[in-house]
N, C-alpha and C. Protein backbone atom coordinates (compact mmCIF):
# COMPACT_ATOMS: atom_id res chain seq x y z
N UNK A 1 0.39 -1.43 -0.14
CA UNK A 1 -0.23 -0.21 -0.15
C UNK A 1 0.86 1.19 0.19
N UNK A 2 1.46 1.58 -1.21
CA UNK A 2 2.75 2.33 -1.37
C UNK A 2 1.74 3.47 -1.55
N UNK A 3 1.75 4.44 -1.28
CA UNK A 3 1.10 5.70 -1.80
C UNK A 3 1.95 6.99 -2.09
N UNK A 4 1.47 7.47 -3.30
CA UNK A 4 2.23 8.97 -3.79
C UNK A 4 1.14 10.19 -3.14
N UNK A 5 1.33 11.11 -2.67
CA UNK A 5 0.13 12.05 -2.26
C UNK A 5 0.87 13.68 -2.80
N UNK A 6 0.36 14.08 -3.88
CA UNK A 6 0.47 15.54 -4.68
C UNK A 6 -0.04 16.69 -3.59
N UNK A 7 0.75 17.51 -3.38
CA UNK A 7 0.00 18.98 -2.97
C UNK A 7 0.80 19.81 -3.60
N UNK A 8 0.23 21.05 -3.39
CA UNK A 8 0.57 22.38 -4.14
C UNK A 8 -0.26 22.91 -5.01
N UNK A 9 -0.75 22.10 -5.45
CA UNK A 9 -1.84 22.91 -6.70
C UNK A 9 -2.64 24.02 -6.64
N UNK A 10 -3.01 24.49 -7.32
CA UNK A 10 -4.28 25.54 -7.27
C UNK A 10 -4.27 26.58 -8.63
N UNK A 11 -4.98 27.42 -8.37
CA UNK A 11 -5.21 28.46 -9.38
C UNK A 11 -3.98 29.76 -9.04
N UNK A 12 -3.40 30.25 -10.25
CA UNK A 12 -2.36 31.12 -10.33
C UNK A 12 -2.51 31.90 -11.46
N UNK A 13 -2.30 32.96 -11.57
CA UNK A 13 -2.18 33.99 -12.37
C UNK A 13 -0.76 33.67 -13.07
N UNK A 14 -0.82 34.09 -14.91
CA UNK A 14 0.06 34.35 -15.43
C UNK A 14 1.24 34.57 -15.10
N UNK A 15 2.66 33.89 -15.02
CA UNK A 15 3.48 34.53 -14.55
C UNK A 15 3.90 34.35 -12.98
N UNK A 16 3.09 33.64 -12.49
CA UNK A 16 3.04 33.54 -11.10
C UNK A 16 4.04 32.30 -10.92
N UNK A 17 3.84 31.64 -9.69
CA UNK A 17 5.04 30.44 -9.28
C UNK A 17 3.99 29.54 -8.46
N UNK A 18 4.06 28.33 -8.42
CA UNK A 18 3.43 27.02 -7.57
C UNK A 18 4.60 26.15 -6.98
N UNK A 19 4.66 25.65 -5.95
CA UNK A 19 5.71 24.67 -5.52
C UNK A 19 4.86 23.30 -5.68
N UNK A 20 5.19 22.19 -6.21
CA UNK A 20 4.21 21.16 -5.85
C UNK A 20 5.12 20.29 -5.16
N UNK A 21 4.59 19.58 -4.26
CA UNK A 21 5.18 18.38 -3.58
C UNK A 21 4.69 17.07 -3.69
N UNK A 22 5.22 15.77 -3.51
CA UNK A 22 5.12 14.73 -3.92
C UNK A 22 5.36 13.74 -2.64
N UNK A 23 4.58 13.02 -1.82
CA UNK A 23 5.34 12.47 -0.99
C UNK A 23 5.04 10.82 -1.04
N UNK A 24 5.79 10.20 -0.97
CA UNK A 24 5.76 8.71 -1.02
C UNK A 24 5.82 8.28 0.16
N UNK A 25 4.36 7.60 0.54
CA UNK A 25 4.27 6.90 2.07
C UNK A 25 3.88 5.24 1.80
N UNK A 26 4.61 4.66 2.90
CA UNK A 26 4.26 2.83 3.31
C UNK A 26 5.43 2.58 3.42
N UNK A 27 5.45 1.07 2.73
CA UNK A 27 6.43 -0.02 3.14
C UNK A 27 7.47 0.16 2.52
N UNK A 28 8.13 1.08 1.75
CA UNK A 28 9.27 1.44 0.65
C UNK A 28 10.79 0.63 0.78
N UNK A 29 10.93 -0.01 -0.15
CA UNK A 29 12.44 -0.66 -0.26
C UNK A 29 13.30 0.43 -1.15
N UNK A 30 13.23 0.82 -1.67
CA UNK A 30 13.88 1.53 -2.98
C UNK A 30 13.00 2.40 -3.73
N UNK A 31 13.55 3.80 -4.04
CA UNK A 31 12.59 4.43 -4.94
C UNK A 31 13.61 4.81 -6.25
N UNK A 32 13.22 4.68 -6.90
CA UNK A 32 14.74 5.27 -8.18
C UNK A 32 13.98 6.45 -8.70
N UNK A 33 14.11 6.46 -10.35
CA UNK A 33 13.39 7.82 -10.64
C UNK A 33 11.83 7.96 -10.35
N UNK A 34 11.79 9.61 -9.78
CA UNK A 34 10.76 10.26 -9.70
C UNK A 34 10.01 11.14 -10.48
N UNK A 35 9.19 11.60 -11.18
CA UNK A 35 8.90 12.41 -12.15
C UNK A 35 7.90 13.10 -11.79
N UNK A 36 7.71 14.36 -12.91
CA UNK A 36 6.36 14.73 -12.78
C UNK A 36 5.34 14.77 -14.21
N UNK A 37 4.05 14.46 -14.51
CA UNK A 37 3.56 14.19 -15.67
C UNK A 37 2.40 15.60 -15.79
N UNK A 38 2.00 15.76 -16.66
CA UNK A 38 0.73 16.49 -16.74
C UNK A 38 -0.32 16.18 -17.68
N UNK A 39 -1.25 16.66 -17.60
CA UNK A 39 -2.48 16.29 -18.53
C UNK A 39 -3.41 17.29 -18.91
N UNK A 40 -3.76 17.88 -19.81
CA UNK A 40 -4.70 19.09 -19.97
C UNK A 40 -5.87 18.20 -20.54
N UNK A 41 -7.14 18.82 -20.29
CA UNK A 41 -8.31 18.17 -20.78
C UNK A 41 -7.89 17.73 -22.29
N UNK A 42 -8.52 16.90 -22.64
CA UNK A 42 -8.50 16.62 -23.99
C UNK A 42 -6.84 16.29 -24.63
N UNK A 43 -6.09 15.75 -23.94
CA UNK A 43 -4.87 15.61 -24.56
C UNK A 43 -4.32 14.64 -23.58
N UNK A 44 -3.25 13.89 -24.22
CA UNK A 44 -2.50 13.19 -23.72
C UNK A 44 -1.88 13.49 -22.22
N UNK A 45 -1.59 12.66 -21.29
CA UNK A 45 -0.35 13.05 -20.68
C UNK A 45 0.84 12.88 -20.68
N UNK A 46 1.82 14.19 -20.13
CA UNK A 46 3.06 14.23 -21.06
C UNK A 46 4.06 14.09 -19.86
N UNK A 47 5.15 13.83 -20.02
CA UNK A 47 6.14 14.03 -19.12
C UNK A 47 6.59 15.56 -18.96
N UNK A 48 6.93 15.90 -17.77
CA UNK A 48 7.40 17.31 -17.66
C UNK A 48 8.58 17.54 -16.90
N UNK A 49 9.10 16.32 -16.06
CA UNK A 49 10.01 16.47 -15.36
C UNK A 49 10.47 15.12 -14.59
N UNK A 50 11.65 14.85 -14.69
CA UNK A 50 12.00 13.64 -13.66
C UNK A 50 13.80 13.73 -13.45
N UNK A 51 13.50 13.04 -12.52
CA UNK A 51 14.74 12.88 -11.32
C UNK A 51 15.40 11.58 -11.07
N UNK A 52 16.24 11.14 -11.20
CA UNK A 52 16.81 9.96 -10.91
C UNK A 52 17.04 9.89 -9.21
N UNK A 53 17.54 9.01 -8.71
CA UNK A 53 17.98 8.63 -7.27
C UNK A 53 19.14 9.73 -7.01
N UNK A 54 20.04 9.55 -8.06
CA UNK A 54 21.15 10.09 -7.61
C UNK A 54 21.00 11.73 -8.20
N UNK A 55 19.96 12.29 -8.39
CA UNK A 55 19.67 13.92 -8.53
C UNK A 55 19.98 14.28 -10.27
N UNK A 56 19.83 13.13 -11.25
CA UNK A 56 20.25 13.75 -12.83
C UNK A 56 18.54 13.82 -12.87
N UNK A 57 18.38 15.44 -13.89
CA UNK A 57 17.15 15.68 -14.18
C UNK A 57 17.14 15.92 -15.70
N UNK A 58 15.74 15.76 -15.81
CA UNK A 58 15.45 16.02 -17.37
C UNK A 58 13.96 16.82 -17.54
N UNK A 59 14.23 17.47 -18.56
CA UNK A 59 13.04 18.07 -18.36
C UNK A 59 12.42 18.27 -20.10
N UNK A 60 10.96 18.48 -19.97
CA UNK A 60 10.39 18.61 -21.17
C UNK A 60 10.75 20.55 -21.66
N UNK A 61 11.15 20.16 -22.94
CA UNK A 61 11.49 21.66 -23.69
C UNK A 61 10.39 22.81 -23.40
N UNK A 62 9.22 22.47 -22.84
CA UNK A 62 8.54 23.27 -22.95
C UNK A 62 8.62 24.38 -21.33
N UNK A 63 9.12 23.59 -20.64
CA UNK A 63 9.21 24.01 -19.43
C UNK A 63 10.83 24.46 -18.72
N UNK A 64 11.89 24.21 -19.36
CA UNK A 64 13.17 24.22 -19.32
C UNK A 64 13.41 25.53 -18.97
N UNK A 65 14.14 25.70 -17.76
CA UNK A 65 14.35 26.99 -17.63
C UNK A 65 13.16 27.87 -16.77
N UNK A 66 11.90 27.05 -16.53
CA UNK A 66 11.31 27.49 -15.84
C UNK A 66 10.39 26.92 -14.55
N UNK A 67 10.64 25.41 -14.93
CA UNK A 67 10.63 24.82 -13.79
C UNK A 67 11.47 23.78 -13.06
N UNK A 68 11.75 23.53 -12.29
CA UNK A 68 12.78 22.40 -11.19
C UNK A 68 12.28 21.59 -10.54
N UNK A 69 12.67 20.80 -11.00
CA UNK A 69 12.43 19.26 -10.13
C UNK A 69 13.48 19.09 -9.14
N UNK A 70 13.30 18.17 -7.86
CA UNK A 70 14.42 18.31 -7.02
C UNK A 70 13.37 17.27 -5.98
N UNK A 71 14.56 16.59 -5.31
CA UNK A 71 13.64 15.47 -4.26
C UNK A 71 14.87 15.50 -2.95
N UNK A 72 14.25 15.19 -1.87
CA UNK A 72 14.72 15.13 -0.86
C UNK A 72 14.37 13.25 -0.42
N UNK A 73 15.55 12.38 -0.80
CA UNK A 73 15.34 11.00 -0.49
C UNK A 73 15.08 10.85 0.85
N UNK A 74 15.27 11.55 1.61
CA UNK A 74 15.38 10.78 3.12
C UNK A 74 13.58 10.98 3.80
N UNK A 75 13.20 12.39 2.76
CA UNK A 75 11.60 11.83 3.13
C UNK A 75 11.03 11.30 1.94
N UNK A 76 11.64 10.63 0.73
CA UNK A 76 10.61 10.25 -0.22
C UNK A 76 10.31 10.89 -0.51
N UNK A 77 10.14 12.27 -0.77
CA UNK A 77 9.62 13.37 -1.50
C UNK A 77 10.10 14.11 -2.70
N UNK A 78 9.27 14.19 -3.69
CA UNK A 78 9.78 15.13 -5.01
C UNK A 78 9.09 16.57 -4.98
N UNK A 79 9.82 17.50 -5.42
CA UNK A 79 9.07 18.67 -5.41
C UNK A 79 9.27 18.99 -7.22
N UNK A 80 8.47 20.04 -7.75
CA UNK A 80 8.41 20.59 -8.64
C UNK A 80 8.04 21.97 -8.61
N UNK A 81 8.85 23.30 -8.78
CA UNK A 81 9.22 24.51 -8.52
C UNK A 81 8.64 24.93 -9.98
N UNK A 82 7.36 25.51 -10.06
CA UNK A 82 6.89 25.81 -11.37
C UNK A 82 7.13 27.73 -11.18
N UNK A 83 7.95 28.27 -11.97
CA UNK A 83 8.03 29.77 -12.17
C UNK A 83 7.47 30.13 -13.53
N UNK A 84 7.29 31.29 -13.27
CA UNK A 84 6.78 32.17 -14.79
C UNK A 84 5.63 30.94 -15.51
N UNK A 85 4.87 31.03 -14.69
CA UNK A 85 3.76 29.88 -15.46
C UNK A 85 3.14 30.66 -17.08
N UNK A 86 2.49 29.70 -17.59
CA UNK A 86 1.77 29.79 -18.87
C UNK A 86 0.29 29.91 -18.68
N UNK A 87 -0.67 29.89 -19.28
CA UNK A 87 -1.75 29.51 -19.49
C UNK A 87 -1.97 28.02 -19.92
N UNK A 88 -0.89 27.81 -21.00
CA UNK A 88 -0.38 26.14 -21.28
C UNK A 88 0.13 25.53 -20.50
N UNK A 89 0.20 25.71 -19.33
CA UNK A 89 0.69 24.92 -17.99
C UNK A 89 -0.16 24.51 -17.26
N UNK A 90 -1.82 24.72 -17.63
CA UNK A 90 -2.76 24.49 -17.07
C UNK A 90 -2.63 22.64 -17.57
N UNK A 91 -3.50 22.20 -16.41
CA UNK A 91 -3.45 20.79 -16.19
C UNK A 91 -3.57 20.20 -14.79
N UNK A 92 -3.78 18.68 -15.05
CA UNK A 92 -3.58 17.86 -13.81
C UNK A 92 -2.07 17.43 -13.77
N UNK A 93 -1.57 17.54 -12.87
CA UNK A 93 -0.24 17.24 -12.20
C UNK A 93 -0.46 15.93 -11.66
N UNK A 94 0.52 14.96 -12.44
CA UNK A 94 0.78 13.57 -11.44
C UNK A 94 2.35 13.62 -11.16
N UNK A 95 2.01 12.76 -9.63
CA UNK A 95 3.74 12.85 -9.64
C UNK A 95 3.38 10.89 -10.02
N UNK A 96 5.08 10.62 -10.50
CA UNK A 96 5.25 9.43 -10.59
C UNK A 96 6.34 8.74 -9.93
N UNK A 97 6.52 7.45 -9.73
CA UNK A 97 7.62 6.82 -8.85
C UNK A 97 8.11 5.68 -9.15
N UNK A 98 8.96 5.22 -9.77
CA UNK A 98 9.56 3.93 -9.77
C UNK A 98 9.87 3.52 -8.71
N UNK A 99 9.17 2.38 -8.11
CA UNK A 99 9.69 2.30 -6.56
C UNK A 99 9.47 0.66 -6.30
N UNK A 100 10.62 0.19 -5.40
CA UNK A 100 10.25 -1.12 -5.04
C UNK A 100 9.37 -1.18 -3.47
N UNK A 101 8.43 -2.09 -3.17
CA UNK A 101 8.04 -1.87 -1.73
C UNK A 101 8.73 -2.74 -0.76
N UNK A 102 8.78 -3.13 0.47
CA UNK A 102 9.62 -3.65 1.38
C UNK A 102 9.30 -5.01 0.88
N UNK A 103 8.34 -5.60 0.10
CA UNK A 103 7.90 -7.09 0.25
C UNK A 103 7.80 -7.44 -1.40
N UNK A 104 8.49 -6.48 -1.91
CA UNK A 104 8.17 -6.74 -3.68
C UNK A 104 9.92 -7.08 -4.06
N UNK A 105 9.63 -7.85 -5.11
CA UNK A 105 10.98 -8.13 -5.84
C UNK A 105 11.07 -7.50 -7.23
N UNK A 106 10.33 -6.51 -7.68
CA UNK A 106 10.82 -5.99 -9.06
C UNK A 106 9.97 -4.39 -8.42
N UNK A 107 10.49 -3.86 -9.82
CA UNK A 107 10.24 -2.25 -10.07
C UNK A 107 8.76 -2.04 -10.21
N UNK A 108 7.87 -1.20 -9.75
CA UNK A 108 6.47 -0.73 -10.13
C UNK A 108 6.38 0.86 -10.19
N UNK A 109 5.78 1.25 -11.24
CA UNK A 109 5.89 2.15 -11.57
C UNK A 109 4.34 2.45 -10.84
N UNK A 110 4.41 3.62 -9.92
CA UNK A 110 3.36 4.40 -9.38
C UNK A 110 3.30 5.50 -9.48
N UNK A 111 1.89 6.02 -9.31
CA UNK A 111 1.24 6.99 -9.45
C UNK A 111 0.29 7.91 -8.59
N UNK A 112 0.50 8.89 -8.37
CA UNK A 112 -0.24 9.84 -7.48
C UNK A 112 -1.75 9.89 -8.08
N UNK A 113 -2.29 10.60 -7.03
CA UNK A 113 -4.03 10.68 -7.50
C UNK A 113 -3.80 12.51 -8.49
N UNK A 114 -3.07 12.99 -8.44
CA UNK A 114 -3.10 14.62 -9.04
C UNK A 114 -3.59 15.31 -8.30
N UNK A 115 -2.90 16.44 -9.14
CA UNK A 115 -3.18 17.87 -8.53
C UNK A 115 -3.17 18.75 -9.37
N UNK A 116 -4.50 19.82 -9.57
CA UNK A 116 -4.86 21.05 -10.39
C UNK A 116 -3.91 21.80 -10.42
N UNK A 117 -3.91 22.19 -11.50
CA UNK A 117 -3.31 23.19 -11.35
C UNK A 117 -3.93 24.33 -12.68
N UNK A 118 -4.24 25.40 -12.13
CA UNK A 118 -5.19 26.58 -13.17
C UNK A 118 -3.98 27.45 -13.44
N UNK A 119 -3.78 27.94 -14.96
CA UNK A 119 -3.33 29.12 -14.98
C UNK A 119 -3.84 30.08 -15.53
N UNK A 120 -4.39 31.23 -15.11
CA UNK A 120 -5.13 32.17 -15.77
C UNK A 120 -4.14 33.28 -16.01
N UNK A 121 -4.90 33.76 -17.58
CA UNK A 121 -4.16 34.88 -18.28
C UNK A 121 -4.42 36.20 -17.48
């Protein structure tokens, strides 16, 4: 019963900032790559940013220079600092983690429930 719980979403004006957090809880043996994905209405879910357990990051071209992904391994938490937000950033943001539970023997792709980010003009 590993869970990922996102927080920090909400309405924001264009040009503003939000900081999303995602905490993994439960009996976790190891967490590998964590990331953020987003989905706008009527569109496919897309990768926003990922970060490995060692801190290597990658970003979608559309958010480079504006978003920063980070993590605190001791807290099993990943963050997404979003600056200079644009209306096209609007969507449901999902936390993702590739992890092994204490009783598991394989990597599992785990998703949070999502948090809404709405950027107004």
